[in-house]
Amino acid sequence: MAAASRPRSRAAARFPEVLDVHLTAQFLTVSADTVYDLFQCGDLPGRKVGRKWLTTKTAVLKWLEQSTTPRSTAAQDA
């Protein structure tokens, strides 16, 4: 029930939970080549299933949140 009470953007709501490269690119508003690069270098969480890279909308949103969160002073000094 907690998930239903969270506000969701209309843009996020129109995407399925499991995303392939092209849906991920649309979701992030970047090119498919950028998404392939992010998957291959391990920056964006995903799995290769057969010949396709897959991720979840939840994983992408969490990745975005973590990548935009300011680092603490101790983390910046390291």
PDB file of N, CA and C in Angstrom:
ATOM      1  N   MET A   1       0.817  -1.190   0.000  1.00  0.00           N
ATOM      2  CA  MET A   1       0.000   0.000   0.000  1.00  0.00           C
ATOM      3  C   MET A   1       0.860   1.251   0.000  1.00  0.00           C
ATOM      4  N   ALA A   2       2.062   1.163   0.574  1.00  0.00           N
ATOM      5  CA  ALA A   2       2.933   2.335   0.636  1.00  0.00           C
ATOM      6  C   ALA A   2       3.314   2.803  -0.762  1.00  0.00           C
ATOM      7  N   ALA A   3       3.529   1.861  -1.675  1.00  0.00           N
ATOM      8  CA  ALA A   3       3.908   2.235  -3.032  1.00  0.00           C
ATOM      9  C   ALA A   3       2.787   3.003  -3.724  1.00  0.00           C
ATOM     10  N   ALA A   4       1.558   2.649  -3.430  1.00  0.00           N
ATOM     11  CA  ALA A   4       0.429   3.327  -4.054  1.00  0.00           C
ATOM     12  C   ALA A   4       0.259   4.744  -3.523  1.00  0.00           C
ATOM     13  N   SER A   5       0.735   4.994  -2.307  1.00  0.00           N
ATOM     14  CA  SER A   5       0.564   6.314  -1.719  1.00  0.00           C
ATOM     15  C   SER A   5       1.652   7.282  -2.158  1.00  0.00           C
ATOM     16  N   ARG A   6       2.746   6.759  -2.757  1.00  0.00           N
ATOM     17  CA  ARG A   6       3.810   7.640  -3.238  1.00  0.00           C
ATOM     18  C   ARG A   6       3.370   8.339  -4.511  1.00  0.00           C
ATOM     19  N   PRO A   7       3.660   9.638  -4.629  1.00  0.00           N
ATOM     20  CA  PRO A   7       3.326  10.311  -5.877  1.00  0.00           C
ATOM     21  C   PRO A   7       4.232   9.828  -7.001  1.00  0.00           C
ATOM     22  N   ARG A   8       3.668   9.592  -8.180  1.00  0.00           N
ATOM     23  CA  ARG A   8       4.439   9.146  -9.336  1.00  0.00           C
ATOM     24  C   ARG A   8       4.223  10.140 -10.466  1.00  0.00           C
ATOM     25  N   SER A   9       5.278  10.416 -11.178  1.00  0.00           N
ATOM     26  CA  SER A   9       5.142  11.323 -12.306  1.00  0.00           C
ATOM     27  C   SER A   9       4.414  10.609 -13.438  1.00  0.00           C
ATOM     28  N   ARG A  10       3.752  11.379 -14.260  1.00  0.00           N
ATOM     29  CA  ARG A  10       3.042  10.782 -15.395  1.00  0.00           C
ATOM     30  C   ARG A  10       4.016  10.137 -16.364  1.00  0.00           C
ATOM     31  N   ALA A  11       5.182  10.764 -16.550  1.00  0.00           N
ATOM     32  CA  ALA A  11       6.168  10.206 -17.475  1.00  0.00           C
ATOM     33  C   ALA A  11       6.635   8.838 -17.014  1.00  0.00           C
ATOM     34  N   ALA A  12       6.939   8.695 -15.736  1.00  0.00           N
ATOM     35  CA  ALA A  12       7.401   7.410 -15.209  1.00  0.00           C
ATOM     36  C   ALA A  12       6.288   6.372 -15.256  1.00  0.00           C
ATOM     37  N   ALA A  13       5.068   6.775 -15.031  1.00  0.00           N
ATOM     38  CA  ALA A  13       3.952   5.838 -14.987  1.00  0.00           C
ATOM     39  C   ALA A  13       3.671   5.200 -16.349  1.00  0.00           C
ATOM     40  N   ARG A  14       4.041   5.854 -17.444  1.00  0.00           N
ATOM     41  CA  ARG A  14       3.725   5.297 -18.762  1.00  0.00           C
ATOM     42  C   ARG A  14       4.730   4.259 -19.236  1.00  0.00           C
ATOM     43  N   PHE A  15       5.809   4.045 -18.490  1.00  0.00           N
ATOM     44  CA  PHE A  15       6.818   3.055 -18.857  1.00  0.00           C
ATOM     45  C   PHE A  15       6.569   1.761 -18.089  1.00  0.00           C
ATOM     46  N   PRO A  16       6.813   0.605 -18.737  1.00  0.00           N
ATOM     47  CA  PRO A  16       6.682  -0.670 -18.011  1.00  0.00           C
ATOM     48  C   PRO A  16       7.794  -0.811 -16.976  1.00  0.00           C
ATOM     49  N   GLU A  17       7.666  -1.753 -16.073  1.00  0.00           N
ATOM     50  CA  GLU A  17       8.679  -1.935 -15.024  1.00  0.00           C
ATOM     51  C   GLU A  17       9.998  -2.442 -15.601  1.00  0.00           C
ATOM     52  N   VAL A  18       9.954  -3.358 -16.565  1.00  0.00           N
ATOM     53  CA  VAL A  18      11.175  -3.879 -17.174  1.00  0.00           C
ATOM     54  C   VAL A  18      11.447  -3.095 -18.456  1.00  0.00           C
ATOM     55  N   LEU A  19      12.675  -2.573 -18.551  1.00  0.00           N
ATOM     56  CA  LEU A  19      13.044  -1.720 -19.680  1.00  0.00           C
ATOM     57  C   LEU A  19      14.178  -2.344 -20.480  1.00  0.00           C
ATOM     58  N   ASP A  20      14.072  -2.285 -21.799  1.00  0.00           N
ATOM     59  CA  ASP A  20      15.196  -2.667 -22.647  1.00  0.00           C
ATOM     60  C   ASP A  20      16.012  -1.406 -22.932  1.00  0.00           C
ATOM     61  N   VAL A  21      17.016  -1.507 -23.781  1.00  0.00           N
ATOM     62  CA  VAL A  21      17.896  -0.373 -24.055  1.00  0.00           C
ATOM     63  C   VAL A  21      17.120   0.817 -24.612  1.00  0.00           C
ATOM     64  N   HIS A  22      16.232   0.559 -25.548  1.00  0.00           N
ATOM     65  CA  HIS A  22      15.527   1.658 -26.200  1.00  0.00           C
ATOM     66  C   HIS A  22      14.537   2.344 -25.257  1.00  0.00           C
ATOM     67  N   LEU A  23      13.837   1.573 -24.438  1.00  0.00           N
ATOM     68  CA  LEU A  23      12.938   2.178 -23.454  1.00  0.00           C
ATOM     69  C   LEU A  23      13.725   2.936 -22.384  1.00  0.00           C
ATOM     70  N   THR A  24      14.864   2.384 -21.992  1.00  0.00           N
ATOM     71  CA  THR A  24      15.716   3.069 -21.013  1.00  0.00           C
ATOM     72  C   THR A  24      16.215   4.393 -21.587  1.00  0.00           C
ATOM     73  N   ALA A  25      16.591   4.385 -22.856  1.00  0.00           N
ATOM     74  CA  ALA A  25      17.053   5.615 -23.512  1.00  0.00           C
ATOM     75  C   ALA A  25      15.936   6.658 -23.553  1.00  0.00           C
ATOM     76  N   GLN A  26      14.721   6.238 -23.876  1.00  0.00           N
ATOM     77  CA  GLN A  26      13.588   7.163 -23.872  1.00  0.00           C
ATOM     78  C   GLN A  26      13.333   7.695 -22.469  1.00  0.00           C
ATOM     79  N   PHE A  27      13.385   6.810 -21.494  1.00  0.00           N
ATOM     80  CA  PHE A  27      13.125   7.176 -20.101  1.00  0.00           C
ATOM     81  C   PHE A  27      14.141   8.211 -19.617  1.00  0.00           C
ATOM     82  N   LEU A  28      15.408   8.025 -19.984  1.00  0.00           N
ATOM     83  CA  LEU A  28      16.474   8.937 -19.557  1.00  0.00           C
ATOM     84  C   LEU A  28      16.687  10.103 -20.524  1.00  0.00           C
ATOM     85  N   THR A  29      15.997  10.089 -21.634  1.00  0.00           N
ATOM     86  CA  THR A  29      16.141  11.083 -22.708  1.00  0.00           C
ATOM     87  C   THR A  29      17.589  11.203 -23.187  1.00  0.00           C
ATOM     88  N   VAL A  30      18.178  10.045 -23.471  1.00  0.00           N
ATOM     89  CA  VAL A  30      19.528   9.961 -24.035  1.00  0.00           C
ATOM     90  C   VAL A  30      19.475   8.979 -25.202  1.00  0.00           C
ATOM     91  N   SER A  31      20.591   8.820 -25.893  1.00  0.00           N
ATOM     92  CA  SER A  31      20.627   7.882 -27.021  1.00  0.00           C
ATOM     93  C   SER A  31      20.785   6.444 -26.531  1.00  0.00           C
ATOM     94  N   ALA A  32      20.417   5.510 -27.396  1.00  0.00           N
ATOM     95  CA  ALA A  32      20.602   4.088 -27.089  1.00  0.00           C
ATOM     96  C   ALA A  32      22.087   3.786 -26.907  1.00  0.00           C
ATOM     97  N   ASP A  33      22.959   4.437 -27.683  1.00  0.00           N
ATOM     98  CA  ASP A  33      24.403   4.231 -27.552  1.00  0.00           C
ATOM     99  C   ASP A  33      24.891   4.616 -26.153  1.00  0.00           C
ATOM    100  N   THR A  34      24.351   5.690 -25.610  1.00  0.00           N
ATOM    101  CA  THR A  34      24.716   6.103 -24.250  1.00  0.00           C
ATOM    102  C   THR A  34      24.301   5.044 -23.246  1.00  0.00           C
ATOM    103  N   VAL A  35      23.113   4.484 -23.412  1.00  0.00           N
ATOM    104  CA  VAL A  35      22.627   3.446 -22.499  1.00  0.00           C
ATOM    105  C   VAL A  35      23.498   2.198 -22.608  1.00  0.00           C
ATOM    106  N   TYR A  36      23.845   1.781 -23.835  1.00  0.00           N
ATOM    107  CA  TYR A  36      24.746   0.642 -24.004  1.00  0.00           C
ATOM    108  C   TYR A  36      26.063   0.887 -23.266  1.00  0.00           C
ATOM    109  N   ASP A  37      26.606   2.073 -23.426  1.00  0.00           N
ATOM    110  CA  ASP A  37      27.871   2.408 -22.746  1.00  0.00           C
ATOM    111  C   ASP A  37      27.725   2.337 -21.233  1.00  0.00           C
ATOM    112  N   LEU A  38      26.626   2.867 -20.701  1.00  0.00           N
ATOM    113  CA  LEU A  38      26.397   2.846 -19.248  1.00  0.00           C
ATOM    114  C   LEU A  38      26.260   1.414 -18.730  1.00  0.00           C
ATOM    115  N   PHE A  39      25.570   0.561 -19.491  1.00  0.00           N
ATOM    116  CA  PHE A  39      25.439  -0.850 -19.102  1.00  0.00           C
ATOM    117  C   PHE A  39      26.794  -1.552 -19.149  1.00  0.00           C
ATOM    118  N   GLN A  40      27.511  -1.375 -20.251  1.00  0.00           N
ATOM    119  CA  GLN A  40      28.755  -2.113 -20.459  1.00  0.00           C
ATOM    120  C   GLN A  40      29.834  -1.737 -19.452  1.00  0.00           C
ATOM    121  N   CYS A  41      29.883  -0.476 -19.042  1.00  0.00           N
ATOM    122  CA  CYS A  41      30.906  -0.087 -18.064  1.00  0.00           C
ATOM    123  C   CYS A  41      30.439  -0.307 -16.624  1.00  0.00           C
ATOM    124  N   GLY A  42      29.185  -0.743 -16.447  1.00  0.00           N
ATOM    125  CA  GLY A  42      28.694  -1.071 -15.123  1.00  0.00           C
ATOM    126  C   GLY A  42      28.149   0.111 -14.333  1.00  0.00           C
ATOM    127  N   ASP A  43      28.046   1.270 -14.958  1.00  0.00           N
ATOM    128  CA  ASP A  43      27.498   2.432 -14.258  1.00  0.00           C
ATOM    129  C   ASP A  43      26.001   2.286 -13.999  1.00  0.00           C
ATOM    130  N   LEU A  44      25.272   1.868 -15.006  1.00  0.00           N
ATOM    131  CA  LEU A  44      23.824   1.695 -14.889  1.00  0.00           C
ATOM    132  C   LEU A  44      23.532   0.228 -14.601  1.00  0.00           C
ATOM    133  N   PRO A  45      22.754  -0.061 -13.554  1.00  0.00           N
ATOM    134  CA  PRO A  45      22.473  -1.464 -13.238  1.00  0.00           C
ATOM    135  C   PRO A  45      21.606  -2.118 -14.308  1.00  0.00           C
ATOM    136  N   GLY A  46      22.030  -3.283 -14.738  1.00  0.00           N
ATOM    137  CA  GLY A  46      21.280  -4.015 -15.748  1.00  0.00           C
ATOM    138  C   GLY A  46      21.845  -5.405 -15.921  1.00  0.00           C
ATOM    139  N   ARG A  47      21.144  -6.216 -16.652  1.00  0.00           N
ATOM    140  CA  ARG A  47      21.564  -7.587 -16.921  1.00  0.00           C
ATOM    141  C   ARG A  47      21.444  -7.860 -18.405  1.00  0.00           C
ATOM    142  N   LYS A  48      22.378  -8.608 -18.929  1.00  0.00           N
ATOM    143  CA  LYS A  48      22.282  -9.046 -20.317  1.00  0.00           C
ATOM    144  C   LYS A  48      21.537 -10.373 -20.323  1.00  0.00           C
ATOM    145  N   VAL A  49      20.423 -10.413 -21.010  1.00  0.00           N
ATOM    146  CA  VAL A  49      19.598 -11.611 -21.120  1.00  0.00           C
ATOM    147  C   VAL A  49      19.576 -11.975 -22.598  1.00  0.00           C
ATOM    148  N   GLY A  50      20.278 -13.041 -22.929  1.00  0.00           N
ATOM    149  CA  GLY A  50      20.449 -13.376 -24.343  1.00  0.00           C
ATOM    150  C   GLY A  50      21.278 -12.285 -24.991  1.00  0.00           C
ATOM    151  N   ARG A  51      20.709 -11.653 -25.997  1.00  0.00           N
ATOM    152  CA  ARG A  51      21.415 -10.562 -26.690  1.00  0.00           C
ATOM    153  C   ARG A  51      20.913  -9.195 -26.254  1.00  0.00           C
ATOM    154  N   LYS A  52      19.989  -9.160 -25.281  1.00  0.00           N
ATOM    155  CA  LYS A  52      19.387  -7.898 -24.858  1.00  0.00           C
ATOM    156  C   LYS A  52      19.847  -7.484 -23.476  1.00  0.00           C
ATOM    157  N   TRP A  53      20.048  -6.195 -23.295  1.00  0.00           N
ATOM    158  CA  TRP A  53      20.278  -5.632 -21.968  1.00  0.00           C
ATOM    159  C   TRP A  53      18.925  -5.243 -21.399  1.00  0.00           C
ATOM    160  N   LEU A  54      18.698  -5.609 -20.135  1.00  0.00           N
ATOM    161  CA  LEU A  54      17.455  -5.266 -19.457  1.00  0.00           C
ATOM    162  C   LEU A  54      17.754  -4.637 -18.103  1.00  0.00           C
ATOM    163  N   THR A  55      16.872  -3.763 -17.687  1.00  0.00           N
ATOM    164  CA  THR A  55      16.937  -3.169 -16.362  1.00  0.00           C
ATOM    165  C   THR A  55      15.509  -2.933 -15.900  1.00  0.00           C
ATOM    166  N   THR A  56      15.351  -2.396 -14.723  1.00  0.00           N
ATOM    167  CA  THR A  56      14.013  -2.058 -14.250  1.00  0.00           C
ATOM    168  C   THR A  56      13.909  -0.551 -14.066  1.00  0.00           C
ATOM    169  N   LYS A  57      12.692  -0.078 -14.153  1.00  0.00           N
ATOM    170  CA  LYS A  57      12.439   1.342 -13.950  1.00  0.00           C
ATOM    171  C   LYS A  57      12.869   1.746 -12.541  1.00  0.00           C
ATOM    172  N   THR A  58      12.605   0.876 -11.564  1.00  0.00           N
ATOM    173  CA  THR A  58      12.998   1.145 -10.181  1.00  0.00           C
ATOM    174  C   THR A  58      14.509   1.290 -10.058  1.00  0.00           C
ATOM    175  N   ALA A  59      15.262   0.414 -10.719  1.00  0.00           N
ATOM    176  CA  ALA A  59      16.730   0.472 -10.664  1.00  0.00           C
ATOM    177  C   ALA A  59      17.254   1.757 -11.291  1.00  0.00           C
ATOM    178  N   VAL A  60      16.644   2.177 -12.395  1.00  0.00           N
ATOM    179  CA  VAL A  60      17.079   3.408 -13.065  1.00  0.00           C
ATOM    180  C   VAL A  60      16.789   4.616 -12.177  1.00  0.00           C
ATOM    181  N   LEU A  61      15.606   4.661 -11.580  1.00  0.00           N
ATOM    182  CA  LEU A  61      15.258   5.784 -10.702  1.00  0.00           C
ATOM    183  C   LEU A  61      16.174   5.835  -9.476  1.00  0.00           C
ATOM    184  N   LYS A  62      16.484   4.659  -8.913  1.00  0.00           N
ATOM    185  CA  LYS A  62      17.392   4.603  -7.766  1.00  0.00           C
ATOM    186  C   LYS A  62      18.794   5.062  -8.170  1.00  0.00           C
ATOM    187  N   TRP A  63      19.260   4.634  -9.349  1.00  0.00           N
ATOM    188  CA  TRP A  63      20.564   5.042  -9.867  1.00  0.00           C
ATOM    189  C   TRP A  63      20.613   6.563 -10.049  1.00  0.00           C
ATOM    190  N   LEU A  64      19.535   7.118 -10.584  1.00  0.00           N
ATOM    191  CA  LEU A  64      19.476   8.567 -10.765  1.00  0.00           C
ATOM    192  C   LEU A  64      19.534   9.294  -9.423  1.00  0.00           C
ATOM    193  N   GLU A  65      18.760   8.802  -8.468  1.00  0.00           N
ATOM    194  CA  GLU A  65      18.755   9.411  -7.138  1.00  0.00           C
ATOM    195  C   GLU A  65      20.140   9.390  -6.514  1.00  0.00           C
ATOM    196  N   GLN A  66      20.803   8.242  -6.593  1.00  0.00           N
ATOM    197  CA  GLN A  66      22.129   8.104  -5.988  1.00  0.00           C
ATOM    198  C   GLN A  66      23.168   8.938  -6.713  1.00  0.00           C
ATOM    199  N   SER A  67      23.016   9.099  -8.005  1.00  0.00           N
ATOM    200  CA  SER A  67      24.015   9.857  -8.753  1.00  0.00           C
ATOM    201  C   SER A  67      23.842  11.356  -8.601  1.00  0.00           C
ATOM    202  N   THR A  68      22.685  11.799  -8.109  1.00  0.00           N
ATOM    203  CA  THR A  68      22.450  13.237  -7.926  1.00  0.00           C
ATOM    204  C   THR A  68      22.485  13.659  -6.473  1.00  0.00           C
ATOM    205  N   THR A  69      22.666  12.695  -5.562  1.00  0.00           N
ATOM    206  CA  THR A  69      22.729  13.010  -4.143  1.00  0.00           C
ATOM    207  C   THR A  69      24.089  13.611  -3.821  1.00  0.00           C
ATOM    208  N   PRO A  70      24.123  14.783  -3.165  1.00  0.00           N
ATOM    209  CA  PRO A  70      25.423  15.367  -2.824  1.00  0.00           C
ATOM    210  C   PRO A  70      26.199  14.453  -1.876  1.00  0.00           C
ATOM    211  N   ARG A  71      27.493  14.356  -2.108  1.00  0.00           N
ATOM    212  CA  ARG A  71      28.351  13.515  -1.267  1.00  0.00           C
ATOM    213  C   ARG A  71      28.691  14.247   0.013  1.00  0.00           C
ATOM    214  N   SER A  72      28.937  13.498   1.056  1.00  0.00           N
ATOM    215  CA  SER A  72      29.341  14.103   2.329  1.00  0.00           C
ATOM    216  C   SER A  72      30.763  14.629   2.200  1.00  0.00           C
ATOM    217  N   THR A  73      31.169  15.468   3.104  1.00  0.00           N
ATOM    218  CA  THR A  73      32.502  16.048   3.087  1.00  0.00           C
ATOM    219  C   THR A  73      33.575  14.962   3.193  1.00  0.00           C
ATOM    220  N   ALA A  74      33.335  13.938   4.016  1.00  0.00           N
ATOM    221  CA  ALA A  74      34.309  12.856   4.189  1.00  0.00           C
ATOM    222  C   ALA A  74      34.493  12.092   2.865  1.00  0.00           C
ATOM    223  N   ALA A  75      33.415  11.857   2.146  1.00  0.00           N
ATOM    224  CA  ALA A  75      33.487  11.144   0.871  1.00  0.00           C
ATOM    225  C   ALA A  75      34.216  11.976  -0.172  1.00  0.00           C
ATOM    226  N   GLN A  76      34.067  13.291  -0.117  1.00  0.00           N
ATOM    227  CA  GLN A  76      34.728  14.158  -1.075  1.00  0.00           C
ATOM    228  C   GLN A  76      36.231  14.235  -0.804  1.00  0.00           C
ATOM    229  N   ASP A  77      36.629  14.126   0.468  1.00  0.00           N
ATOM    230  CA  ASP A  77      38.037  14.214   0.846  1.00  0.00           C
ATOM    231  C   ASP A  77      38.794  12.950   0.483  1.00  0.00           C
ATOM    232  N   ALA A  78      38.093  11.821   0.395  1.00  0.00           N
ATOM    233  CA  ALA A  78      38.756  10.525   0.148  1.00  0.00           C
ATOM    234  C   ALA A  78      39.304  10.404  -1.235  1.00  0.00           C
TER     235      ALA A  78
END
